[in-house]
Amino acid sequence: MEMFQKFERSPLKKLRVKRFMTQKQLGKALGVTEMTVSNWESGRSVPKLTPVQYKKLLEILQITSAELPDQFGFPSDAEG
């Protein structure tokens, strides 16, 4: 059963899919690669966004900074 939990969507992916965007489209809008977005969603890397990119991300996802998830990838095993 634990194995299936890994297939749940990351918080960023949920927000991106809700806006009918691909990783490539989101990456292009933020000036990063599709692989960078993939790494964020998988938890392999943490976004290092400029203020302009941060504002653009909020605008694209149509959320406020308070609604932005603390982590874009899957929670680590240590957390739960």
N, C-alpha and C. Protein backbone atom coordinates (compact mmCIF):
# COMPACT_ATOMS: atom_id res chain seq x y z
N MET A 1 0.82 -1.20 0.00
CA MET A 1 0.00 0.00 0.00
C MET A 1 0.86 1.26 0.00
N GLU A 2 1.96 1.25 0.75
CA GLU A 2 2.84 2.41 0.82
C GLU A 2 3.38 2.78 -0.55
N MET A 3 3.60 1.79 -1.39
CA MET A 3 4.14 2.03 -2.73
C MET A 3 3.19 2.91 -3.55
N PHE A 4 1.90 2.75 -3.38
CA PHE A 4 0.94 3.53 -4.14
C PHE A 4 0.94 5.00 -3.72
N GLN A 5 1.31 5.29 -2.49
CA GLN A 5 1.35 6.67 -2.03
C GLN A 5 2.35 7.49 -2.82
N LYS A 6 3.40 6.87 -3.31
CA LYS A 6 4.42 7.56 -4.10
C LYS A 6 3.86 8.07 -5.43
N PHE A 7 2.75 7.48 -5.88
CA PHE A 7 2.19 7.87 -7.16
C PHE A 7 1.18 9.01 -7.05
N GLU A 8 0.94 9.48 -5.85
CA GLU A 8 0.08 10.64 -5.69
C GLU A 8 0.77 11.85 -6.32
N ARG A 9 -0.01 12.79 -6.71
CA ARG A 9 0.56 13.98 -7.35
C ARG A 9 1.19 14.91 -6.33
N SER A 10 2.25 15.55 -6.76
CA SER A 10 2.89 16.55 -5.91
C SER A 10 1.98 17.78 -5.85
N PRO A 11 2.14 18.61 -4.82
CA PRO A 11 1.31 19.83 -4.73
C PRO A 11 1.45 20.74 -5.95
N LEU A 12 2.68 20.89 -6.46
CA LEU A 12 2.86 21.74 -7.65
C LEU A 12 2.17 21.13 -8.85
N LYS A 13 2.29 19.82 -9.01
CA LYS A 13 1.66 19.17 -10.16
C LYS A 13 0.15 19.34 -10.10
N LYS A 14 -0.43 19.19 -8.91
CA LYS A 14 -1.88 19.37 -8.77
C LYS A 14 -2.29 20.76 -9.24
N LEU A 15 -1.54 21.77 -8.81
CA LEU A 15 -1.87 23.14 -9.20
C LEU A 15 -1.68 23.37 -10.70
N ARG A 16 -0.60 22.81 -11.24
CA ARG A 16 -0.29 22.98 -12.67
C ARG A 16 -1.35 22.30 -13.53
N VAL A 17 -1.72 21.07 -13.18
CA VAL A 17 -2.71 20.32 -13.95
C VAL A 17 -4.08 21.00 -13.86
N LYS A 18 -4.37 21.57 -12.70
CA LYS A 18 -5.63 22.29 -12.52
C LYS A 18 -5.75 23.44 -13.53
N ARG A 19 -4.61 24.00 -13.93
CA ARG A 19 -4.58 25.09 -14.91
C ARG A 19 -4.35 24.58 -16.33
N PHE A 20 -4.42 23.26 -16.50
CA PHE A 20 -4.26 22.63 -17.83
C PHE A 20 -2.94 23.00 -18.49
N MET A 21 -1.87 23.01 -17.69
CA MET A 21 -0.54 23.35 -18.21
C MET A 21 0.36 22.13 -18.18
N THR A 22 1.26 22.08 -19.13
CA THR A 22 2.30 21.05 -19.14
C THR A 22 3.51 21.58 -18.38
N GLN A 23 4.42 20.69 -18.05
CA GLN A 23 5.66 21.11 -17.41
C GLN A 23 6.42 22.05 -18.34
N LYS A 24 6.38 21.75 -19.62
CA LYS A 24 7.08 22.57 -20.60
C LYS A 24 6.51 23.99 -20.64
N GLN A 25 5.18 24.10 -20.62
CA GLN A 25 4.54 25.42 -20.66
C GLN A 25 4.86 26.23 -19.40
N LEU A 26 4.81 25.58 -18.25
CA LEU A 26 5.12 26.28 -17.01
C LEU A 26 6.58 26.71 -16.99
N GLY A 27 7.44 25.81 -17.40
CA GLY A 27 8.87 26.14 -17.46
C GLY A 27 9.14 27.32 -18.37
N LYS A 28 8.53 27.31 -19.54
CA LYS A 28 8.74 28.40 -20.50
C LYS A 28 8.26 29.73 -19.91
N ALA A 29 7.12 29.72 -19.24
CA ALA A 29 6.57 30.94 -18.64
C ALA A 29 7.48 31.49 -17.54
N LEU A 30 8.19 30.59 -16.86
CA LEU A 30 9.06 31.01 -15.76
C LEU A 30 10.52 31.17 -16.18
N GLY A 31 10.82 30.79 -17.42
CA GLY A 31 12.20 30.91 -17.90
C GLY A 31 13.10 29.80 -17.39
N VAL A 32 12.51 28.61 -17.14
CA VAL A 32 13.30 27.45 -16.72
C VAL A 32 12.95 26.29 -17.66
N THR A 33 13.69 25.21 -17.54
CA THR A 33 13.44 24.07 -18.42
C THR A 33 12.31 23.19 -17.89
N GLU A 34 11.81 22.37 -18.78
CA GLU A 34 10.81 21.37 -18.42
C GLU A 34 11.37 20.42 -17.35
N MET A 35 12.65 20.08 -17.49
CA MET A 35 13.30 19.19 -16.52
C MET A 35 13.37 19.84 -15.14
N THR A 36 13.55 21.14 -15.09
CA THR A 36 13.57 21.85 -13.81
C THR A 36 12.22 21.72 -13.12
N VAL A 37 11.15 21.93 -13.86
CA VAL A 37 9.80 21.79 -13.30
C VAL A 37 9.59 20.36 -12.83
N SER A 38 10.02 19.40 -13.62
CA SER A 38 9.91 17.99 -13.25
C SER A 38 10.65 17.71 -11.94
N ASN A 39 11.84 18.28 -11.81
CA ASN A 39 12.63 18.09 -10.58
C ASN A 39 11.94 18.71 -9.38
N TRP A 40 11.30 19.85 -9.56
CA TRP A 40 10.55 20.47 -8.46
C TRP A 40 9.41 19.55 -8.03
N GLU A 41 8.67 19.05 -9.01
CA GLU A 41 7.51 18.23 -8.71
C GLU A 41 7.88 16.90 -8.07
N SER A 42 9.02 16.38 -8.41
CA SER A 42 9.45 15.10 -7.84
C SER A 42 10.16 15.28 -6.50
N GLY A 43 10.48 16.51 -6.16
CA GLY A 43 11.18 16.78 -4.91
C GLY A 43 12.69 16.62 -5.03
N ARG A 44 13.20 16.45 -6.26
CA ARG A 44 14.64 16.30 -6.47
C ARG A 44 15.38 17.62 -6.31
N SER A 45 14.68 18.73 -6.49
CA SER A 45 15.30 20.04 -6.29
C SER A 45 14.26 21.02 -5.76
N VAL A 46 14.76 22.09 -5.20
CA VAL A 46 13.92 23.13 -4.61
C VAL A 46 14.00 24.37 -5.50
N PRO A 47 12.88 24.99 -5.81
CA PRO A 47 12.91 26.18 -6.67
C PRO A 47 13.71 27.31 -6.04
N LYS A 48 14.49 27.96 -6.86
CA LYS A 48 15.20 29.17 -6.47
C LYS A 48 14.73 30.25 -7.45
N LEU A 49 13.62 30.88 -7.13
CA LEU A 49 12.97 31.81 -8.04
C LEU A 49 13.34 33.25 -7.73
N THR A 50 13.45 34.04 -8.78
CA THR A 50 13.61 35.47 -8.60
C THR A 50 12.26 36.04 -8.20
N PRO A 51 12.22 37.26 -7.67
CA PRO A 51 10.92 37.86 -7.34
C PRO A 51 9.97 37.90 -8.55
N VAL A 52 10.49 38.18 -9.72
CA VAL A 52 9.66 38.23 -10.92
C VAL A 52 9.09 36.84 -11.23
N GLN A 53 9.93 35.81 -11.14
CA GLN A 53 9.46 34.44 -11.39
C GLN A 53 8.43 34.02 -10.34
N TYR A 54 8.67 34.39 -9.10
CA TYR A 54 7.75 34.06 -8.02
C TYR A 54 6.37 34.67 -8.27
N LYS A 55 6.35 35.94 -8.63
CA LYS A 55 5.08 36.62 -8.93
C LYS A 55 4.40 35.98 -10.13
N LYS A 56 5.18 35.63 -11.14
CA LYS A 56 4.64 34.99 -12.35
C LYS A 56 4.03 33.63 -12.00
N LEU A 57 4.71 32.86 -11.14
CA LEU A 57 4.19 31.56 -10.73
C LEU A 57 2.84 31.71 -10.03
N LEU A 58 2.74 32.66 -9.13
CA LEU A 58 1.47 32.89 -8.43
C LEU A 58 0.37 33.29 -9.41
N GLU A 59 0.74 34.13 -10.37
CA GLU A 59 -0.22 34.59 -11.39
C GLU A 59 -0.69 33.41 -12.25
N ILE A 60 0.26 32.59 -12.70
CA ILE A 60 -0.07 31.46 -13.56
C ILE A 60 -0.97 30.46 -12.83
N LEU A 61 -0.62 30.15 -11.58
CA LEU A 61 -1.37 29.17 -10.82
C LEU A 61 -2.65 29.75 -10.23
N GLN A 62 -2.79 31.06 -10.32
CA GLN A 62 -3.96 31.78 -9.80
C GLN A 62 -4.16 31.50 -8.32
N ILE A 63 -3.07 31.69 -7.57
CA ILE A 63 -3.10 31.51 -6.12
C ILE A 63 -2.40 32.68 -5.45
N THR A 64 -2.58 32.79 -4.14
CA THR A 64 -1.87 33.80 -3.36
C THR A 64 -0.62 33.16 -2.77
N SER A 65 0.26 33.97 -2.23
CA SER A 65 1.47 33.42 -1.62
C SER A 65 1.12 32.52 -0.44
N ALA A 66 0.04 32.82 0.27
CA ALA A 66 -0.39 31.98 1.39
C ALA A 66 -0.86 30.60 0.93
N GLU A 67 -1.35 30.51 -0.30
CA GLU A 67 -1.84 29.23 -0.84
C GLU A 67 -0.73 28.40 -1.47
N LEU A 68 0.44 28.99 -1.65
CA LEU A 68 1.56 28.29 -2.26
C LEU A 68 2.05 27.21 -1.30
N PRO A 69 2.18 25.96 -1.77
CA PRO A 69 2.63 24.89 -0.88
C PRO A 69 4.05 25.15 -0.36
N ASP A 70 4.32 24.68 0.84
CA ASP A 70 5.67 24.82 1.41
C ASP A 70 6.67 23.96 0.64
N GLN A 71 6.21 22.82 0.14
CA GLN A 71 7.04 21.93 -0.66
C GLN A 71 6.30 21.61 -1.95
N PHE A 72 7.02 21.63 -3.06
CA PHE A 72 6.39 21.31 -4.34
C PHE A 72 6.39 19.81 -4.62
N GLY A 73 7.39 19.12 -4.10
CA GLY A 73 7.50 17.69 -4.34
C GLY A 73 6.75 16.90 -3.29
N PHE A 74 6.96 15.60 -3.32
CA PHE A 74 6.33 14.71 -2.36
C PHE A 74 6.94 14.92 -0.99
N PRO A 75 6.17 14.80 0.08
CA PRO A 75 6.75 14.89 1.42
C PRO A 75 7.79 13.78 1.59
N SER A 76 8.85 14.06 2.31
CA SER A 76 9.89 13.05 2.51
C SER A 76 9.37 11.97 3.46
N ASP A 77 9.99 10.81 3.41
CA ASP A 77 9.59 9.70 4.27
C ASP A 77 9.76 10.05 5.74
N ALA A 78 10.72 10.93 6.05
CA ALA A 78 11.00 11.31 7.43
C ALA A 78 9.85 12.11 8.05
N GLU A 79 9.04 12.72 7.20
CA GLU A 79 7.95 13.57 7.70
C GLU A 79 6.70 12.79 8.05
N GLY A 80 6.60 11.57 7.62
CA GLY A 80 5.35 10.96 7.93
C GLY A 80 5.26 9.54 7.68
